[in-house]
Amino acid sequence: MRFLGRWLGNSFSTALALVLGILAMQAPAFTRDYATALLQVATDARRDVDQREASARQFYGIDARGDDALIAALQPHEPSNAESLTRSLDRLRQLRQAYDDIAGQPALLQPVIALGGAIDDRGGYRQAIWQISLSRYNLQLELSLAAVVYGFGGVLLGSLIGQLMLLPFRDRAARHGLAR
């Protein structure tokens, strides 16, 4: 009976370690997909802002150059449009900054930066992109240095969690004299 209990415990811990290792290996590939989505949304937002600015320049005859100068010139004519354009520019800048923050880091740090940015999403712009990227992500087995490092960390963490989960059962068995 002791043999069977130890075998089940070790199997559980090993399986948990492997599952967490494989999941952790996904971090670099998911981060790459997420960064690409950020860039695409930021590019679309820039296109939208450019169209709205061109329309405002044409309709109101505004000759101001630059986003902030255009908003200041638009404010007396159309305050709600100026405010809307300001929010769009803020969203654009935050998304572009999030992409630049991720892309500017070494591959090993990119998942950490992406996760930190998604958690600290003050405007709420990145959360939707994160969720869509996560729902559309397909698992893949990548053997880059970053994936291997994250996978190894996941195996260690999974093994630790497995051992901690089994600890109460081992203590109970030791109290009853079932284990050595």
C-alpha atoms as a PDB file:
ATOM      1  CA  MET A   1       0.000   0.000   0.000  1.00  0.00           C
ATOM      2  CA  ARG A   2       2.873   2.405   0.760  1.00  0.00           C
ATOM      3  CA  PHE A   3       4.367   1.721  -2.648  1.00  0.00           C
ATOM      4  CA  LEU A   4       1.092   2.531  -4.391  1.00  0.00           C
ATOM      5  CA  GLY A   5       0.657   5.755  -2.398  1.00  0.00           C
ATOM      6  CA  ARG A   6       4.206   6.912  -3.169  1.00  0.00           C
ATOM      7  CA  TRP A   7       3.781   6.021  -6.830  1.00  0.00           C
ATOM      8  CA  LEU A   8       0.496   7.945  -7.101  1.00  0.00           C
ATOM      9  CA  GLY A   9       1.993  10.925  -5.278  1.00  0.00           C
ATOM     10  CA  ASN A  10       5.057  11.006  -7.504  1.00  0.00           C
ATOM     11  CA  SER A  11       2.917  10.558 -10.621  1.00  0.00           C
ATOM     12  CA  PHE A  12       0.670  13.446  -9.575  1.00  0.00           C
ATOM     13  CA  SER A  13       3.645  15.701  -8.883  1.00  0.00           C
ATOM     14  CA  THR A  14       5.330  14.763 -12.156  1.00  0.00           C
ATOM     15  CA  ALA A  15       2.161  15.284 -14.197  1.00  0.00           C
ATOM     16  CA  LEU A  16       1.560  18.682 -12.610  1.00  0.00           C
ATOM     17  CA  ALA A  17       5.186  19.643 -13.262  1.00  0.00           C
ATOM     18  CA  LEU A  18       4.901  18.651 -16.928  1.00  0.00           C
ATOM     19  CA  VAL A  19       1.597  20.469 -17.436  1.00  0.00           C
ATOM     20  CA  LEU A  20       2.891  23.673 -15.871  1.00  0.00           C
ATOM     21  CA  GLY A  21       6.152  23.339 -17.790  1.00  0.00           C
ATOM     22  CA  ILE A  22       4.346  23.065 -21.124  1.00  0.00           C
ATOM     23  CA  LEU A  23       2.031  25.939 -20.235  1.00  0.00           C
ATOM     24  CA  ALA A  24       4.960  28.121 -19.178  1.00  0.00           C
ATOM     25  CA  MET A  25       6.719  27.331 -22.477  1.00  0.00           C
ATOM     26  CA  GLN A  26       3.831  29.080 -24.222  1.00  0.00           C
ATOM     27  CA  ALA A  27       4.716  32.465 -22.702  1.00  0.00           C
ATOM     28  CA  PRO A  28       7.168  33.685 -25.395  1.00  0.00           C
ATOM     29  CA  ALA A  29       4.966  32.601 -28.328  1.00  0.00           C
ATOM     30  CA  PHE A  30       1.830  34.065 -26.735  1.00  0.00           C
ATOM     31  CA  THR A  31       3.692  37.293 -26.022  1.00  0.00           C
ATOM     32  CA  ARG A  32       4.723  37.526 -29.663  1.00  0.00           C
ATOM     33  CA  ASP A  33       1.083  37.051 -30.746  1.00  0.00           C
ATOM     34  CA  TYR A  34      -0.114  39.599 -28.185  1.00  0.00           C
ATOM     35  CA  ALA A  35       2.492  42.154 -29.281  1.00  0.00           C
ATOM     36  CA  THR A  36       1.467  41.660 -32.911  1.00  0.00           C
ATOM     37  CA  ALA A  37      -2.182  42.232 -31.949  1.00  0.00           C
ATOM     38  CA  LEU A  38      -1.204  45.394 -30.054  1.00  0.00           C
ATOM     39  CA  LEU A  39       0.633  46.688 -33.111  1.00  0.00           C
ATOM     40  CA  GLN A  40      -2.283  45.887 -35.425  1.00  0.00           C
ATOM     41  CA  VAL A  41      -4.819  47.615 -33.192  1.00  0.00           C
ATOM     42  CA  ALA A  42      -2.512  50.626 -32.760  1.00  0.00           C
ATOM     43  CA  THR A  43      -2.038  50.844 -36.535  1.00  0.00           C
ATOM     44  CA  ASP A  44      -5.804  50.689 -37.095  1.00  0.00           C
ATOM     45  CA  ALA A  45      -6.314  53.338 -34.413  1.00  0.00           C
ATOM     46  CA  ARG A  46      -3.741  55.588 -36.076  1.00  0.00           C
ATOM     47  CA  ARG A  47      -5.517  55.178 -39.406  1.00  0.00           C
ATOM     48  CA  ASP A  48      -8.841  56.086 -37.764  1.00  0.00           C
ATOM     49  CA  VAL A  49      -7.348  59.134 -36.042  1.00  0.00           C
ATOM     50  CA  ASP A  50      -5.739  60.285 -39.297  1.00  0.00           C
ATOM     51  CA  GLN A  51      -9.080  60.033 -41.118  1.00  0.00           C
ATOM     52  CA  ARG A  52     -10.887  61.937 -38.384  1.00  0.00           C
ATOM     53  CA  GLU A  53      -8.202  64.622 -38.329  1.00  0.00           C
ATOM     54  CA  ALA A  54      -8.339  65.006 -42.124  1.00  0.00           C
ATOM     55  CA  SER A  55     -12.119  65.313 -41.938  1.00  0.00           C
ATOM     56  CA  ALA A  56     -11.912  67.966 -39.194  1.00  0.00           C
ATOM     57  CA  ARG A  57      -9.252  69.913 -41.119  1.00  0.00           C
ATOM     58  CA  GLN A  58     -11.338  69.863 -44.264  1.00  0.00           C
ATOM     59  CA  PHE A  59     -14.699  70.637 -42.640  1.00  0.00           C
ATOM     60  CA  TYR A  60     -13.511  73.417 -40.319  1.00  0.00           C
ATOM     61  CA  GLY A  61     -10.610  74.670 -42.435  1.00  0.00           C
ATOM     62  CA  ILE A  62      -8.121  74.008 -39.651  1.00  0.00           C
ATOM     63  CA  ASP A  63      -4.520  74.371 -40.753  1.00  0.00           C
ATOM     64  CA  ALA A  64      -2.856  73.225 -37.517  1.00  0.00           C
ATOM     65  CA  ARG A  65      -0.142  70.576 -37.756  1.00  0.00           C
ATOM     66  CA  GLY A  66       0.261  67.898 -35.123  1.00  0.00           C
ATOM     67  CA  ASP A  67      -2.322  66.040 -33.093  1.00  0.00           C
ATOM     68  CA  ASP A  68      -2.369  68.320 -30.057  1.00  0.00           C
ATOM     69  CA  ALA A  69      -2.467  71.528 -32.139  1.00  0.00           C
ATOM     70  CA  LEU A  70      -5.392  70.147 -34.149  1.00  0.00           C
ATOM     71  CA  ILE A  71      -7.308  69.258 -30.986  1.00  0.00           C
ATOM     72  CA  ALA A  72      -6.720  72.739 -29.573  1.00  0.00           C
ATOM     73  CA  ALA A  73      -7.947  74.314 -32.828  1.00  0.00           C
ATOM     74  CA  LEU A  74     -10.946  71.969 -32.986  1.00  0.00           C
ATOM     75  CA  GLN A  75     -12.008  72.636 -29.379  1.00  0.00           C
ATOM     76  CA  PRO A  76     -13.890  75.927 -30.044  1.00  0.00           C
ATOM     77  CA  HIS A  77     -15.739  74.483 -33.051  1.00  0.00           C
ATOM     78  CA  GLU A  78     -16.586  70.999 -31.843  1.00  0.00           C
ATOM     79  CA  PRO A  79     -15.715  70.325 -28.157  1.00  0.00           C
ATOM     80  CA  SER A  80     -17.190  66.809 -28.074  1.00  0.00           C
ATOM     81  CA  ASN A  81     -15.310  65.810 -31.231  1.00  0.00           C
ATOM     82  CA  ALA A  82     -12.093  67.238 -29.762  1.00  0.00           C
ATOM     83  CA  GLU A  83     -12.642  65.241 -26.568  1.00  0.00           C
ATOM     84  CA  SER A  84     -13.351  62.078 -28.524  1.00  0.00           C
ATOM     85  CA  LEU A  85     -10.243  62.613 -30.602  1.00  0.00           C
ATOM     86  CA  THR A  86      -8.223  63.162 -27.423  1.00  0.00           C
ATOM     87  CA  ARG A  87      -9.430  59.811 -26.034  1.00  0.00           C
ATOM     88  CA  SER A  88      -8.613  58.087 -29.331  1.00  0.00           C
ATOM     89  CA  LEU A  89      -5.112  59.546 -29.289  1.00  0.00           C
ATOM     90  CA  ASP A  90      -4.647  58.472 -25.676  1.00  0.00           C
ATOM     91  CA  ARG A  91      -5.680  54.929 -26.588  1.00  0.00           C
ATOM     92  CA  LEU A  92      -3.372  54.962 -29.598  1.00  0.00           C
ATOM     93  CA  ARG A  93      -0.422  56.193 -27.534  1.00  0.00           C
ATOM     94  CA  GLN A  94      -0.981  53.652 -24.776  1.00  0.00           C
ATOM     95  CA  LEU A  95      -1.264  50.738 -27.203  1.00  0.00           C
ATOM     96  CA  ARG A  96       1.798  51.840 -29.131  1.00  0.00           C
ATOM     97  CA  GLN A  97       3.735  52.339 -25.883  1.00  0.00           C
ATOM     98  CA  ALA A  98       2.729  48.854 -24.715  1.00  0.00           C
ATOM     99  CA  TYR A  99       4.004  47.388 -27.981  1.00  0.00           C
ATOM    100  CA  ASP A 100       7.249  49.376 -27.779  1.00  0.00           C
ATOM    101  CA  ASP A 101       7.759  48.300 -24.154  1.00  0.00           C
ATOM    102  CA  ILE A 102       7.478  44.635 -25.146  1.00  0.00           C
ATOM    103  CA  ALA A 103       9.451  44.847 -28.402  1.00  0.00           C
ATOM    104  CA  GLY A 104      12.258  46.813 -26.755  1.00  0.00           C
ATOM    105  CA  GLN A 105      13.094  44.039 -24.300  1.00  0.00           C
ATOM    106  CA  PRO A 106      15.088  40.824 -24.730  1.00  0.00           C
ATOM    107  CA  ALA A 107      12.976  37.755 -25.561  1.00  0.00           C
ATOM    108  CA  LEU A 108      13.388  36.400 -22.042  1.00  0.00           C
ATOM    109  CA  LEU A 109      11.840  39.497 -20.450  1.00  0.00           C
ATOM    110  CA  GLN A 110       9.080  40.123 -22.988  1.00  0.00           C
ATOM    111  CA  PRO A 111       6.468  37.836 -21.332  1.00  0.00           C
ATOM    112  CA  VAL A 112       7.072  39.498 -17.961  1.00  0.00           C
ATOM    113  CA  ILE A 113       6.715  42.983 -19.475  1.00  0.00           C
ATOM    114  CA  ALA A 114       3.566  41.941 -21.378  1.00  0.00           C
ATOM    115  CA  LEU A 115       1.956  40.469 -18.266  1.00  0.00           C
ATOM    116  CA  GLY A 116       2.883  43.499 -16.189  1.00  0.00           C
ATOM    117  CA  GLY A 117       1.454  45.816 -18.819  1.00  0.00           C
ATOM    118  CA  ALA A 118      -1.764  43.819 -19.061  1.00  0.00           C
ATOM    119  CA  ILE A 119      -2.188  43.907 -15.283  1.00  0.00           C
ATOM    120  CA  ASP A 120      -1.374  47.634 -15.044  1.00  0.00           C
ATOM    121  CA  ASP A 121      -3.829  48.669 -17.759  1.00  0.00           C
ATOM    122  CA  ARG A 122      -5.071  52.035 -16.503  1.00  0.00           C
ATOM    123  CA  GLY A 123      -7.094  52.894 -19.592  1.00  0.00           C
ATOM    124  CA  GLY A 124      -8.505  49.401 -20.025  1.00  0.00           C
ATOM    125  CA  TYR A 125      -7.320  49.294 -23.618  1.00  0.00           C
ATOM    126  CA  ARG A 126      -4.996  46.293 -23.408  1.00  0.00           C
ATOM    127  CA  GLN A 127      -7.277  43.970 -21.454  1.00  0.00           C
ATOM    128  CA  ALA A 128      -9.595  43.317 -24.398  1.00  0.00           C
ATOM    129  CA  ILE A 129      -6.645  42.649 -26.696  1.00  0.00           C
ATOM    130  CA  TRP A 130      -5.134  40.310 -24.085  1.00  0.00           C
ATOM    131  CA  GLN A 131      -8.393  38.359 -23.779  1.00  0.00           C
ATOM    132  CA  ILE A 132      -8.889  38.078 -27.536  1.00  0.00           C
ATOM    133  CA  SER A 133      -5.273  37.000 -28.017  1.00  0.00           C
ATOM    134  CA  LEU A 134      -5.671  34.394 -25.297  1.00  0.00           C
ATOM    135  CA  SER A 135      -8.912  33.028 -26.729  1.00  0.00           C
ATOM    136  CA  ARG A 136      -7.397  32.738 -30.225  1.00  0.00           C
ATOM    137  CA  TYR A 137      -4.014  31.388 -29.175  1.00  0.00           C
ATOM    138  CA  ASN A 138      -3.072  27.903 -30.380  1.00  0.00           C
ATOM    139  CA  LEU A 139      -0.679  25.903 -28.234  1.00  0.00           C
ATOM    140  CA  GLN A 140       2.687  25.334 -29.835  1.00  0.00           C
ATOM    141  CA  LEU A 141       5.915  23.672 -28.854  1.00  0.00           C
ATOM    142  CA  GLU A 142       8.696  26.174 -29.378  1.00  0.00           C
ATOM    143  CA  LEU A 143      12.294  25.392 -28.507  1.00  0.00           C
ATOM    144  CA  SER A 144      13.736  28.880 -28.224  1.00  0.00           C
ATOM    145  CA  LEU A 145      15.944  29.770 -25.282  1.00  0.00           C
ATOM    146  CA  ALA A 146      13.169  31.824 -23.697  1.00  0.00           C
ATOM    147  CA  ALA A 147      10.630  28.983 -24.062  1.00  0.00           C
ATOM    148  CA  VAL A 148      13.060  26.469 -22.546  1.00  0.00           C
ATOM    149  CA  VAL A 149      13.812  28.762 -19.601  1.00  0.00           C
ATOM    150  CA  TYR A 150      10.114  29.392 -18.963  1.00  0.00           C
ATOM    151  CA  GLY A 151       9.366  25.686 -19.383  1.00  0.00           C
ATOM    152  CA  PHE A 152      12.044  24.735 -16.865  1.00  0.00           C
ATOM    153  CA  GLY A 153      10.674  27.279 -14.418  1.00  0.00           C
ATOM    154  CA  GLY A 154       7.177  25.853 -14.958  1.00  0.00           C
ATOM    155  CA  VAL A 155       8.433  22.312 -14.273  1.00  0.00           C
ATOM    156  CA  LEU A 156      10.071  23.448 -11.048  1.00  0.00           C
ATOM    157  CA  LEU A 157       6.979  25.366  -9.958  1.00  0.00           C
ATOM    158  CA  GLY A 158       4.684  22.462 -10.859  1.00  0.00           C
ATOM    159  CA  SER A 159       6.833  20.030  -8.916  1.00  0.00           C
ATOM    160  CA  LEU A 160       6.844  22.339  -5.899  1.00  0.00           C
ATOM    161  CA  ILE A 161       3.077  22.810  -6.015  1.00  0.00           C
ATOM    162  CA  GLY A 162       2.571  19.058  -6.402  1.00  0.00           C
ATOM    163  CA  GLN A 163       4.768  18.335  -3.399  1.00  0.00           C
ATOM    164  CA  LEU A 164       3.010  20.980  -1.324  1.00  0.00           C
ATOM    165  CA  MET A 165      -0.398  19.558  -2.256  1.00  0.00           C
ATOM    166  CA  LEU A 166       0.694  16.071  -1.241  1.00  0.00           C
ATOM    167  CA  LEU A 167       2.266  17.195   2.034  1.00  0.00           C
ATOM    168  CA  PRO A 168      -0.914  16.856   4.148  1.00  0.00           C
ATOM    169  CA  PHE A 169      -1.400  13.298   2.928  1.00  0.00           C
ATOM    170  CA  ARG A 170       2.205  12.358   3.682  1.00  0.00           C
ATOM    171  CA  ASP A 171       1.974  13.881   7.168  1.00  0.00           C
ATOM    172  CA  ARG A 172      -1.205  11.951   7.814  1.00  0.00           C
ATOM    173  CA  ALA A 173       0.356   8.716   6.627  1.00  0.00           C
ATOM    174  CA  ALA A 174       3.433   9.359   8.817  1.00  0.00           C
ATOM    175  CA  ARG A 175       1.261   9.919  11.886  1.00  0.00           C
ATOM    176  CA  HIS A 176      -0.488   6.627  11.302  1.00  0.00           C
ATOM    177  CA  GLY A 177       2.795   4.824  10.740  1.00  0.00           C
ATOM    178  CA  LEU A 178       2.074   4.075   7.076  1.00  0.00           C
ATOM    179  CA  ALA A 179       5.114   5.790   5.584  1.00  0.00           C
ATOM    180  CA  ARG A 180       8.816   5.781   6.217  1.00  0.00           C
END
